[in-house]
PDB file of N, CA and C in Angstrom:
ATOM      1  N   MET A   1     165.827  60.407  81.653  1.00  0.00           N
ATOM      2  CA  MET A   1     166.254  59.359  82.550  1.00  0.00           C
ATOM      3  C   MET A   1     167.019  60.004  83.704  1.00  0.00           C
ATOM      4  N   VAL A   2     166.695  59.576  84.916  1.00  0.00           N
ATOM      5  CA  VAL A   2     167.364  60.074  86.110  1.00  0.00           C
ATOM      6  C   VAL A   2     168.063  58.902  86.779  1.00  0.00           C
ATOM      7  N   LYS A   3     169.345  59.047  87.038  1.00  0.00           N
ATOM      8  CA  LYS A   3     170.106  57.993  87.695  1.00  0.00           C
ATOM      9  C   LYS A   3     170.360  58.393  89.143  1.00  0.00           C
ATOM     10  N   PRO A   4     170.334  57.414  90.066  1.00  0.00           N
ATOM     11  CA  PRO A   4     170.586  57.753  91.466  1.00  0.00           C
ATOM     12  C   PRO A   4     172.042  58.127  91.703  1.00  0.00           C
ATOM     13  N   TYR A   5     172.225  59.018  92.669  1.00  0.00           N
ATOM     14  CA  TYR A   5     173.547  59.436  93.125  1.00  0.00           C
ATOM     15  C   TYR A   5     173.741  58.756  94.472  1.00  0.00           C
ATOM     16  N   ILE A   6     174.808  57.990  94.636  1.00  0.00           N
ATOM     17  CA  ILE A   6     175.001  57.174  95.827  1.00  0.00           C
ATOM     18  C   ILE A   6     176.202  57.689  96.621  1.00  0.00           C
ATOM     19  N   ARG A   7     175.980  57.883  97.940  1.00  0.00           N
ATOM     20  CA  ARG A   7     177.058  58.307  98.833  1.00  0.00           C
ATOM     21  C   ARG A   7     177.024  57.454 100.084  1.00  0.00           C
ATOM     22  N   ARG A   8     178.137  57.370 100.734  1.00  0.00           N
ATOM     23  CA  ARG A   8     178.193  56.678 102.025  1.00  0.00           C
ATOM     24  C   ARG A   8     177.414  57.514 103.033  1.00  0.00           C
ATOM     25  N   GLY A   9     176.578  56.855 103.815  1.00  0.00           N
ATOM     26  CA  GLY A   9     175.752  57.554 104.788  1.00  0.00           C
ATOM     27  C   GLY A   9     176.494  57.851 106.081  1.00  0.00           C
ATOM     28  N   GLY A  10     175.796  58.502 107.001  1.00  0.00           N
ATOM     29  CA  GLY A  10     176.375  58.828 108.294  1.00  0.00           C
ATOM     30  C   GLY A  10     176.553  57.591 109.161  1.00  0.00           C
ATOM     31  N   ILE A  11     175.774  56.558 108.880  1.00  0.00           N
ATOM     32  CA  ILE A  11     175.867  55.314 109.643  1.00  0.00           C
ATOM     33  C   ILE A  11     176.896  54.427 108.946  1.00  0.00           C
ATOM     34  N   PRO A  12     177.911  53.978 109.672  1.00  0.00           N
ATOM     35  CA  PRO A  12     178.952  53.141 109.042  1.00  0.00           C
ATOM     36  C   PRO A  12     178.369  51.925 108.326  1.00  0.00           C
ATOM     37  N   GLY A  13     178.850  51.688 107.116  1.00  0.00           N
ATOM     38  CA  GLY A  13     178.432  50.537 106.333  1.00  0.00           C
ATOM     39  C   GLY A  13     177.160  50.730 105.530  1.00  0.00           C
ATOM     40  N   GLN A  14     176.509  51.885 105.649  1.00  0.00           N
ATOM     41  CA  GLN A  14     175.289  52.135 104.896  1.00  0.00           C
ATOM     42  C   GLN A  14     175.527  53.177 103.808  1.00  0.00           C
ATOM     43  N   GLU A  15     174.760  53.064 102.744  1.00  0.00           N
ATOM     44  CA  GLU A  15     174.828  54.026 101.652  1.00  0.00           C
ATOM     45  C   GLU A  15     173.529  54.805 101.594  1.00  0.00           C
ATOM     46  N   THR A  16     173.595  56.043 101.148  1.00  0.00           N
ATOM     47  CA  THR A  16     172.414  56.871 100.959  1.00  0.00           C
ATOM     48  C   THR A  16     172.260  57.114  99.469  1.00  0.00           C
ATOM     49  N   TYR A  17     171.037  56.941  98.960  1.00  0.00           N
ATOM     50  CA  TYR A  17     170.749  57.128  97.545  1.00  0.00           C
ATOM     51  C   TYR A  17     169.977  58.417  97.354  1.00  0.00           C
ATOM     52  N   TYR A  18     170.386  59.228  96.380  1.00  0.00           N
ATOM     53  CA  TYR A  18     169.726  60.483  96.068  1.00  0.00           C
ATOM     54  C   TYR A  18     169.272  60.457  94.620  1.00  0.00           C
ATOM     55  N   LEU A  19     168.138  61.071  94.329  1.00  0.00           N
ATOM     56  CA  LEU A  19     167.711  61.269  92.954  1.00  0.00           C
ATOM     57  C   LEU A  19     167.860  62.749  92.647  1.00  0.00           C
ATOM     58  N   ASN A  20     168.686  63.046  91.676  1.00  0.00           N
ATOM     59  CA  ASN A  20     168.879  64.435  91.273  1.00  0.00           C
ATOM     60  C   ASN A  20     167.822  64.817  90.251  1.00  0.00           C
ATOM     61  N   ILE A  21     167.178  65.950  90.489  1.00  0.00           N
ATOM     62  CA  ILE A  21     166.173  66.459  89.560  1.00  0.00           C
ATOM     63  C   ILE A  21     166.890  67.322  88.529  1.00  0.00           C
ATOM     64  N   PRO A  22     166.683  67.061  87.244  1.00  0.00           N
ATOM     65  CA  PRO A  22     167.319  67.908  86.229  1.00  0.00           C
ATOM     66  C   PRO A  22     166.952  69.389  86.441  1.00  0.00           C
ATOM     67  N   ARG A  23     167.928  70.256  86.242  1.00  0.00           N
ATOM     68  CA  ARG A  23     167.776  71.690  86.510  1.00  0.00           C
ATOM     69  C   ARG A  23     166.582  72.311  85.786  1.00  0.00           C
ATOM     70  N   ASP A  24     166.386  71.957  84.519  1.00  0.00           N
ATOM     71  CA  ASP A  24     165.281  72.563  83.768  1.00  0.00           C
ATOM     72  C   ASP A  24     163.920  72.157  84.332  1.00  0.00           C
ATOM     73  N   ILE A  25     163.810  70.931  84.851  1.00  0.00           N
ATOM     74  CA  ILE A  25     162.552  70.492  85.470  1.00  0.00           C
ATOM     75  C   ILE A  25     162.350  71.209  86.806  1.00  0.00           C
ATOM     76  N   ALA A  26     163.406  71.324  87.604  1.00  0.00           N
ATOM     77  CA  ALA A  26     163.304  72.029  88.886  1.00  0.00           C
ATOM     78  C   ALA A  26     162.888  73.482  88.678  1.00  0.00           C
ATOM     79  N   LYS A  27     163.459  74.121  87.670  1.00  0.00           N
ATOM     80  CA  LYS A  27     163.088  75.517  87.387  1.00  0.00           C
ATOM     81  C   LYS A  27     161.647  75.621  86.900  1.00  0.00           C
ATOM     82  N   ALA A  28     161.232  74.710  86.023  1.00  0.00           N
ATOM     83  CA  ALA A  28     159.868  74.747  85.486  1.00  0.00           C
ATOM     84  C   ALA A  28     158.832  74.539  86.584  1.00  0.00           C
ATOM     85  N   LEU A  29     159.165  73.716  87.597  1.00  0.00           N
ATOM     86  CA  LEU A  29     158.238  73.439  88.690  1.00  0.00           C
ATOM     87  C   LEU A  29     158.484  74.341  89.906  1.00  0.00           C
ATOM     88  N   ASN A  30     159.430  75.264  89.761  1.00  0.00           N
ATOM     89  CA  ASN A  30     159.771  76.205  90.838  1.00  0.00           C
ATOM     90  C   ASN A  30     160.154  75.468  92.123  1.00  0.00           C
ATOM     91  N   ILE A  31     160.989  74.449  91.993  1.00  0.00           N
ATOM     92  CA  ILE A  31     161.462  73.683  93.138  1.00  0.00           C
ATOM     93  C   ILE A  31     162.729  74.351  93.661  1.00  0.00           C
ATOM     94  N   THR A  32     162.757  74.600  94.979  1.00  0.00           N
ATOM     95  CA  THR A  32     163.931  75.215  95.603  1.00  0.00           C
ATOM     96  C   THR A  32     164.481  74.281  96.675  1.00  0.00           C
ATOM     97  N   LYS A  33     165.663  74.590  97.161  1.00  0.00           N
ATOM     98  CA  LYS A  33     166.287  73.744  98.186  1.00  0.00           C
ATOM     99  C   LYS A  33     165.542  73.810  99.515  1.00  0.00           C
ATOM    100  N   ASN A  34     164.666  74.794  99.691  1.00  0.00           N
ATOM    101  CA  ASN A  34     163.908  74.925 100.931  1.00  0.00           C
ATOM    102  C   ASN A  34     162.588  74.156 100.908  1.00  0.00           C
ATOM    103  N   ASP A  35     162.208  73.598  99.764  1.00  0.00           N
ATOM    104  CA  ASP A  35     160.966  72.842  99.664  1.00  0.00           C
ATOM    105  C   ASP A  35     161.083  71.521 100.416  1.00  0.00           C
ATOM    106  N   GLU A  36     159.943  71.046 100.916  1.00  0.00           N
ATOM    107  CA  GLU A  36     159.887  69.753 101.587  1.00  0.00           C
ATOM    108  C   GLU A  36     158.935  68.848 100.815  1.00  0.00           C
ATOM    109  N   PHE A  37     159.277  67.554 100.761  1.00  0.00           N
ATOM    110  CA  PHE A  37     158.490  66.589 100.010  1.00  0.00           C
ATOM    111  C   PHE A  37     158.198  65.363 100.852  1.00  0.00           C
ATOM    112  N   ILE A  38     157.074  64.732 100.565  1.00  0.00           N
ATOM    113  CA  ILE A  38     156.713  63.448 101.167  1.00  0.00           C
ATOM    114  C   ILE A  38     156.836  62.408 100.060  1.00  0.00           C
ATOM    115  N   LEU A  39     157.508  61.303 100.374  1.00  0.00           N
ATOM    116  CA  LEU A  39     157.733  60.243  99.389  1.00  0.00           C
ATOM    117  C   LEU A  39     156.781  59.085  99.636  1.00  0.00           C
ATOM    118  N   SER A  40     156.136  58.615  98.576  1.00  0.00           N
ATOM    119  CA  SER A  40     155.376  57.369  98.642  1.00  0.00           C
ATOM    120  C   SER A  40     155.945  56.432  97.573  1.00  0.00           C
ATOM    121  N   VAL A  41     155.994  55.153  97.901  1.00  0.00           N
ATOM    122  CA  VAL A  41     156.591  54.156  97.017  1.00  0.00           C
ATOM    123  C   VAL A  41     155.556  53.077  96.725  1.00  0.00           C
ATOM    124  N   ASP A  42     155.444  52.712  95.450  1.00  0.00           N
ATOM    125  CA  ASP A  42     154.514  51.664  95.040  1.00  0.00           C
ATOM    126  C   ASP A  42     155.258  50.695  94.128  1.00  0.00           C
ATOM    127  N   THR A  43     155.004  49.420  94.289  1.00  0.00           N
ATOM    128  CA  THR A  43     155.585  48.422  93.394  1.00  0.00           C
ATOM    129  C   THR A  43     154.454  47.641  92.742  1.00  0.00           C
ATOM    130  N   LYS A  44     154.591  47.424  91.434  1.00  0.00           N
ATOM    131  CA  LYS A  44     153.581  46.682  90.686  1.00  0.00           C
ATOM    132  C   LYS A  44     154.254  46.055  89.470  1.00  0.00           C
ATOM    133  N   ASP A  45     154.055  44.768  89.299  1.00  0.00           N
ATOM    134  CA  ASP A  45     154.623  44.027  88.166  1.00  0.00           C
ATOM    135  C   ASP A  45     156.128  44.230  88.027  1.00  0.00           C
ATOM    136  N   GLY A  46     156.830  44.286  89.157  1.00  0.00           N
ATOM    137  CA  GLY A  46     158.279  44.438  89.128  1.00  0.00           C
ATOM    138  C   GLY A  46     158.765  45.855  88.885  1.00  0.00           C
ATOM    139  N   GLU A  47     157.851  46.809  88.736  1.00  0.00           N
ATOM    140  CA  GLU A  47     158.211  48.207  88.523  1.00  0.00           C
ATOM    141  C   GLU A  47     158.077  48.977  89.834  1.00  0.00           C
ATOM    142  N   ILE A  48     158.930  49.950  90.051  1.00  0.00           N
ATOM    143  CA  ILE A  48     158.876  50.796  91.239  1.00  0.00           C
ATOM    144  C   ILE A  48     158.433  52.188  90.814  1.00  0.00           C
ATOM    145  N   THR A  49     157.441  52.725  91.522  1.00  0.00           N
ATOM    146  CA  THR A  49     156.988  54.088  91.269  1.00  0.00           C
ATOM    147  C   THR A  49     157.249  54.922  92.515  1.00  0.00           C
ATOM    148  N   LEU A  50     158.021  56.003  92.350  1.00  0.00           N
ATOM    149  CA  LEU A  50     158.281  56.935  93.437  1.00  0.00           C
ATOM    150  C   LEU A  50     157.446  58.180  93.186  1.00  0.00           C
ATOM    151  N   CYS A  51     156.695  58.594  94.183  1.00  0.00           N
ATOM    152  CA  CYS A  51     155.864  59.788  94.043  1.00  0.00           C
ATOM    153  C   CYS A  51     156.237  60.767  95.140  1.00  0.00           C
ATOM    154  N   TYR A  52     156.770  61.916  94.737  1.00  0.00           N
ATOM    155  CA  TYR A  52     157.135  62.966  95.681  1.00  0.00           C
ATOM    156  C   TYR A  52     156.054  64.035  95.650  1.00  0.00           C
ATOM    157  N   ARG A  53     155.512  64.373  96.805  1.00  0.00           N
ATOM    158  CA  ARG A  53     154.501  65.427  96.903  1.00  0.00           C
ATOM    159  C   ARG A  53     155.072  66.562  97.719  1.00  0.00           C
ATOM    160  N   ARG A  54     154.983  67.759  97.156  1.00  0.00           N
ATOM    161  CA  ARG A  54     155.502  68.934  97.849  1.00  0.00           C
ATOM    162  C   ARG A  54     154.578  69.279  99.010  1.00  0.00           C
ATOM    163  N   VAL A  55     155.171  69.549 100.181  1.00  0.00           N
ATOM    164  CA  VAL A  55     154.404  69.919 101.361  1.00  0.00           C
ATOM    165  C   VAL A  55     154.194  71.424 101.341  1.00  0.00           C
ATOM    166  N   LYS A  56     152.916  71.827 101.455  1.00  0.00           N
ATOM    167  CA  LYS A  56     152.619  73.261 101.513  1.00  0.00           C
ATOM    168  C   LYS A  56     152.943  73.772 102.895  1.00  0.00           C
ATOM    169  N   LYS A  57     153.598  74.899 102.941  1.00  0.00           N
ATOM    170  CA  LYS A  57     153.989  75.497 104.240  1.00  0.00           C
ATOM    171  C   LYS A  57     152.970  76.518 104.671  1.00  0.00           C
TER     172      LYS A  57
END
Protein backbone atom coordinates (compact mmCIF):
# COMPACT_ATOMS: atom_id res chain seq x y z
CA MET A 1 0.00 0.00 0.00
CA VAL A 2 1.30 3.44 -0.95
CA LYS A 3 -0.08 6.53 0.77
CA PRO A 4 0.21 10.01 -0.74
CA TYR A 5 2.56 12.56 0.78
CA ILE A 6 0.91 16.00 0.84
CA ARG A 7 2.72 19.36 0.95
CA ARG A 8 1.69 22.93 0.43
CA GLY A 9 2.44 23.92 -3.15
CA GLY A 10 4.20 26.97 -4.54
CA ILE A 11 0.82 28.52 -5.34
CA PRO A 12 -0.83 29.94 -2.20
CA GLY A 13 -3.78 27.86 -1.02
CA GLN A 14 -2.93 24.80 -3.11
CA GLU A 15 -1.53 21.46 -2.01
CA THR A 16 0.75 19.15 -3.97
CA TYR A 17 0.32 15.38 -3.66
CA TYR A 18 3.25 12.99 -4.08
CA LEU A 19 3.31 9.21 -4.28
CA ASN A 20 6.42 7.76 -2.71
CA ILE A 21 7.73 4.59 -4.32
CA PRO A 22 8.97 2.05 -1.76
CA ARG A 23 12.78 1.81 -1.86
CA ASP A 24 12.88 -1.91 -2.67
CA ILE A 25 10.58 -1.42 -5.68
CA ALA A 26 12.60 1.57 -6.93
CA LYS A 27 15.81 -0.47 -6.67
CA ALA A 28 14.28 -3.52 -8.37
CA LEU A 29 13.08 -1.36 -11.28
CA ASN A 30 16.30 0.71 -11.33
CA ILE A 31 14.39 3.97 -10.84
CA THR A 32 16.60 6.99 -10.14
CA LYS A 33 15.87 10.62 -9.32
CA ASN A 34 16.92 11.56 -12.87
CA ASP A 35 14.23 9.43 -14.54
CA GLU A 36 11.24 11.11 -16.16
CA PHE A 37 7.72 9.68 -16.25
CA ILE A 38 4.47 10.37 -18.08
CA LEU A 39 1.31 9.96 -16.00
CA SER A 40 -1.99 8.71 -17.36
CA VAL A 41 -5.11 8.52 -15.20
CA ASP A 42 -8.14 6.29 -15.73
CA THR A 43 -11.31 6.02 -13.67
CA LYS A 44 -13.67 3.06 -13.83
CA ASP A 45 -16.38 1.93 -11.40
CA GLY A 46 -15.23 4.47 -8.82
CA GLU A 47 -11.62 3.21 -8.91
CA ILE A 48 -8.66 5.36 -9.97
CA THR A 49 -5.77 3.84 -11.90
CA LEU A 50 -2.51 5.79 -12.17
CA CYS A 51 -0.07 4.58 -14.81
CA TYR A 52 3.45 6.01 -14.85
CA ARG A 53 5.54 5.29 -17.95
CA ARG A 54 9.25 5.93 -17.91
CA VAL A 55 10.42 8.19 -20.74
CA LYS A 56 13.40 6.82 -22.65
CA LYS A 57 16.14 9.39 -23.08
